[in-house]
């Protein structure tokens, strides 16, 4: 008998609050090069909203489950994947479509990264997309160097706060903008 898990799924495009429904789906089985992850926490990113609206560059077929990054535990591996991953806590980047807004998801083994035992799931789930985006922008595109000045707009947001931290770690002088006193306080912190 196939086990079912709960997942937020969109059967039509629109605003996430209007189109996502919680439903039971068959627990996914990992194929070649994939792992199954029991999700402990997931992060909501702007691409997830765009996917629900149909406005992202990747357009999974309906119905789909959004969710671009999760933290959880590997519970099964597919062919050509090291069975030593089973039981490991990881950050995972699920494929678009199966997504991470579910109790159990699939990801390519190349898209899972170990989490230290002392690092909380909620914080780990929110790391990958924002910090990868900030890192690519600062290091691959801008080639930031120590002593340079970095201006970060929307510094209180996910990518903005990651860019501030990454810029400081790279030795840059960082100036940031934010909209309103509460967001400015986040940037200062």
Protein backbone atom coordinates (compact mmCIF):
# COMPACT_ATOMS: atom_id res chain seq x y z
CA UNK A 1 0.00 0.00 0.00
CA UNK A 2 1.35 3.42 -0.95
CA UNK A 3 1.81 5.84 1.93
CA UNK A 4 0.35 9.33 1.46
CA UNK A 5 1.78 12.65 2.63
CA UNK A 6 0.32 16.14 2.76
CA UNK A 7 1.36 18.75 0.22
CA UNK A 8 0.34 22.27 -0.77
CA UNK A 9 -0.57 22.03 -4.45
CA UNK A 10 -1.72 24.44 -7.13
CA UNK A 11 -4.18 23.15 -9.73
CA UNK A 12 -4.44 26.58 -11.37
CA UNK A 13 -2.28 29.70 -11.54
CA UNK A 14 -2.86 32.74 -9.35
CA UNK A 15 -2.01 34.27 -6.01
CA UNK A 16 -0.65 31.58 -3.66
CA UNK A 17 -3.31 32.21 -1.01
CA UNK A 18 -6.01 31.69 -3.64
CA UNK A 19 -4.66 28.64 -5.51
CA UNK A 20 -2.76 26.49 -2.98
CA UNK A 21 -4.69 23.64 -1.39
CA UNK A 22 -3.54 21.14 1.21
CA UNK A 23 -4.10 17.63 -0.08
CA UNK A 24 -2.92 14.07 0.31
CA UNK A 25 -0.54 12.79 -2.37
CA UNK A 26 1.41 9.54 -2.74
CA UNK A 27 4.77 9.59 -1.02
CA UNK A 28 7.36 10.11 -3.76
CA UNK A 29 10.01 7.51 -4.59
CA UNK A 30 13.49 8.71 -5.54
CA UNK A 31 14.65 7.85 -9.03
CA UNK A 32 18.21 7.66 -10.33
CA UNK A 33 20.43 10.32 -8.73
CA UNK A 34 17.71 11.52 -6.36
CA UNK A 35 17.00 11.43 -2.64
CA UNK A 36 13.79 11.54 -0.63
CA UNK A 37 13.75 14.13 2.16
CA UNK A 38 11.36 14.25 5.09
CA UNK A 39 10.78 17.98 5.37
CA UNK A 40 11.27 19.61 8.78
CA UNK A 41 11.07 23.24 7.56
CA UNK A 42 10.65 25.08 4.30
CA UNK A 43 11.36 28.64 3.23
CA UNK A 44 9.09 30.85 1.17
CA UNK A 45 10.95 32.77 -1.55
CA UNK A 46 9.76 35.21 -4.19
CA UNK A 47 10.23 32.61 -6.97
CA UNK A 48 7.63 30.45 -5.18
CA UNK A 49 5.11 33.27 -5.49
CA UNK A 50 6.04 33.81 -9.15
CA UNK A 51 5.68 30.10 -9.93
CA UNK A 52 2.15 30.10 -8.47
CA UNK A 53 1.32 33.12 -10.63
CA UNK A 54 2.85 31.52 -13.73
CA UNK A 55 5.40 34.33 -13.97
CA UNK A 56 8.65 32.48 -13.25
CA UNK A 57 11.06 31.23 -15.92
CA UNK A 58 10.40 27.63 -14.85
CA UNK A 59 6.79 26.59 -15.39
CA UNK A 60 6.00 23.19 -13.90
CA UNK A 61 2.91 21.44 -15.25
CA UNK A 62 -0.25 21.67 -13.17
CA UNK A 63 -0.83 20.46 -10.54
CA UNK A 64 2.43 21.27 -8.75
CA UNK A 65 3.86 21.90 -5.31
CA UNK A 66 6.01 25.02 -4.93
CA UNK A 67 8.87 25.34 -2.45
CA UNK A 68 12.44 25.99 -3.58
CA UNK A 69 14.33 25.12 -0.38
CA UNK A 70 13.83 22.93 2.66
CA UNK A 71 15.65 21.45 5.60
CA UNK A 72 15.04 17.87 6.58
CA UNK A 73 16.33 14.35 6.78
CA UNK A 74 17.17 12.02 3.91
CA UNK A 75 14.96 8.93 4.26
CA UNK A 76 15.70 7.11 0.99
CA UNK A 77 18.04 7.28 -1.98
CA UNK A 78 17.62 6.29 -5.59
CA UNK A 79 20.01 4.31 -7.77
CA UNK A 80 23.52 5.77 -8.11
CA UNK A 81 23.27 7.66 -4.79
CA UNK A 82 25.41 6.89 -1.74
CA UNK A 83 23.22 5.12 0.83
CA UNK A 84 25.32 6.86 3.50
CA UNK A 85 23.09 9.90 3.00
CA UNK A 86 20.15 8.11 4.63
CA UNK A 87 19.55 9.64 8.05
CA UNK A 88 21.55 12.83 7.28
CA UNK A 89 20.08 16.25 8.04
CA UNK A 90 20.34 18.38 4.92
CA UNK A 91 19.37 21.56 3.18
CA UNK A 92 17.68 20.45 -0.04
CA UNK A 93 16.71 22.24 -3.23
CA UNK A 94 13.78 20.24 -4.59
CA UNK A 95 13.09 20.15 -8.30
CA UNK A 96 10.42 22.60 -9.45
CA UNK A 97 7.04 20.93 -9.47
CA UNK A 98 7.45 18.35 -6.72
CA UNK A 99 8.58 21.29 -4.55
CA UNK A 100 9.21 21.57 -0.85
CA UNK A 101 5.84 22.64 0.58
CA UNK A 102 5.08 19.07 1.53
CA UNK A 103 5.88 16.59 4.26
CA UNK A 104 8.19 14.61 1.94
CA UNK A 105 9.94 15.79 -1.23
CA UNK A 106 12.53 14.71 -3.76
CA UNK A 107 15.78 16.43 -4.70
CA UNK A 108 18.77 15.55 -6.81
CA UNK A 109 21.61 14.26 -4.63
CA UNK A 110 23.75 17.08 -6.02
CA UNK A 111 21.27 19.55 -4.52
CA UNK A 112 21.47 18.43 -0.88
CA UNK A 113 23.96 19.87 1.59
CA UNK A 114 24.69 18.64 5.14
CA UNK A 115 23.48 20.65 8.13
CA UNK A 116 25.45 20.62 11.40
CA UNK A 117 23.53 18.87 14.18
CA UNK A 118 23.41 22.06 16.26
CA UNK A 119 21.90 24.22 13.49
CA UNK A 120 18.10 24.67 13.71
CA UNK A 121 15.98 23.42 10.79
CA UNK A 122 14.05 26.69 10.39
CA UNK A 123 17.23 28.72 9.98
CA UNK A 124 18.85 26.13 7.72
CA UNK A 125 15.81 26.06 5.42
CA UNK A 126 16.17 29.78 4.72
CA UNK A 127 19.88 29.79 3.85
CA UNK A 128 20.41 28.39 0.41
CA UNK A 129 18.49 30.57 -2.03
CA UNK A 130 19.20 33.94 -0.39
CA UNK A 131 22.89 33.36 0.29
CA UNK A 132 23.54 31.68 -3.05
CA UNK A 133 21.89 34.62 -4.83
CA UNK A 134 23.91 37.13 -2.81
CA UNK A 135 27.15 35.20 -3.26
CA UNK A 136 26.74 34.89 -7.02
CA UNK A 137 25.94 38.60 -7.35
CA UNK A 138 28.84 39.78 -5.20
CA UNK A 139 31.57 37.33 -6.10
CA UNK A 140 30.85 36.06 -9.61
CA UNK A 141 29.22 39.13 -11.12
CA UNK A 142 30.65 42.09 -9.18
CA UNK A 143 33.97 40.46 -8.14
CA UNK A 144 33.82 42.36 -4.86
CA UNK A 145 37.17 43.10 -3.19
CA UNK A 146 38.18 44.20 0.31
CA UNK A 147 37.95 47.96 0.76
CA UNK A 148 35.27 48.48 -1.89
CA UNK A 149 31.93 50.10 -1.04
CA UNK A 150 28.78 48.03 -1.50
CA UNK A 151 25.31 49.56 -1.71
CA UNK A 152 22.51 47.11 -0.88
CA UNK A 153 18.91 48.15 -1.57
CA UNK A 154 16.16 46.40 0.40
CA UNK A 155 18.67 45.36 3.02
CA UNK A 156 16.02 43.97 5.39
CA UNK A 157 14.88 41.31 2.92
CA UNK A 158 16.33 37.83 2.56
CA UNK A 159 18.76 38.47 -0.28
CA UNK A 160 19.52 41.98 1.01
CA UNK A 161 20.44 40.81 4.50
CA UNK A 162 22.54 37.99 3.02
CA UNK A 163 24.31 40.50 0.75
CA UNK A 164 25.08 42.74 3.73
CA UNK A 165 26.65 39.86 5.65
CA UNK A 166 28.52 38.51 2.63
CA UNK A 167 29.79 42.00 1.77
CA UNK A 168 31.08 42.53 5.29
CA UNK A 169 32.72 39.09 5.23
CA UNK A 170 34.44 40.08 1.96
CA UNK A 171 35.88 43.18 3.63
CA UNK A 172 33.66 45.73 1.91
CA UNK A 173 32.23 48.90 3.43
CA UNK A 174 28.48 48.26 3.29
CA UNK A 175 25.74 50.87 2.98
CA UNK A 176 22.15 49.63 2.92
CA UNK A 177 18.69 51.05 2.34
CA UNK A 178 15.44 49.87 3.87
CA UNK A 179 11.83 51.06 3.87
CA UNK A 180 10.82 52.32 7.28
CA UNK A 181 12.13 52.36 10.85
CA UNK A 182 11.49 48.66 11.59
CA UNK A 183 13.37 47.56 8.48
CA UNK A 184 16.18 50.03 9.16
CA UNK A 185 16.56 48.46 12.62
CA UNK A 186 16.89 45.01 11.00
CA UNK A 187 19.59 46.35 8.68
CA UNK A 188 21.49 47.94 11.59
CA UNK A 189 21.37 44.67 13.53
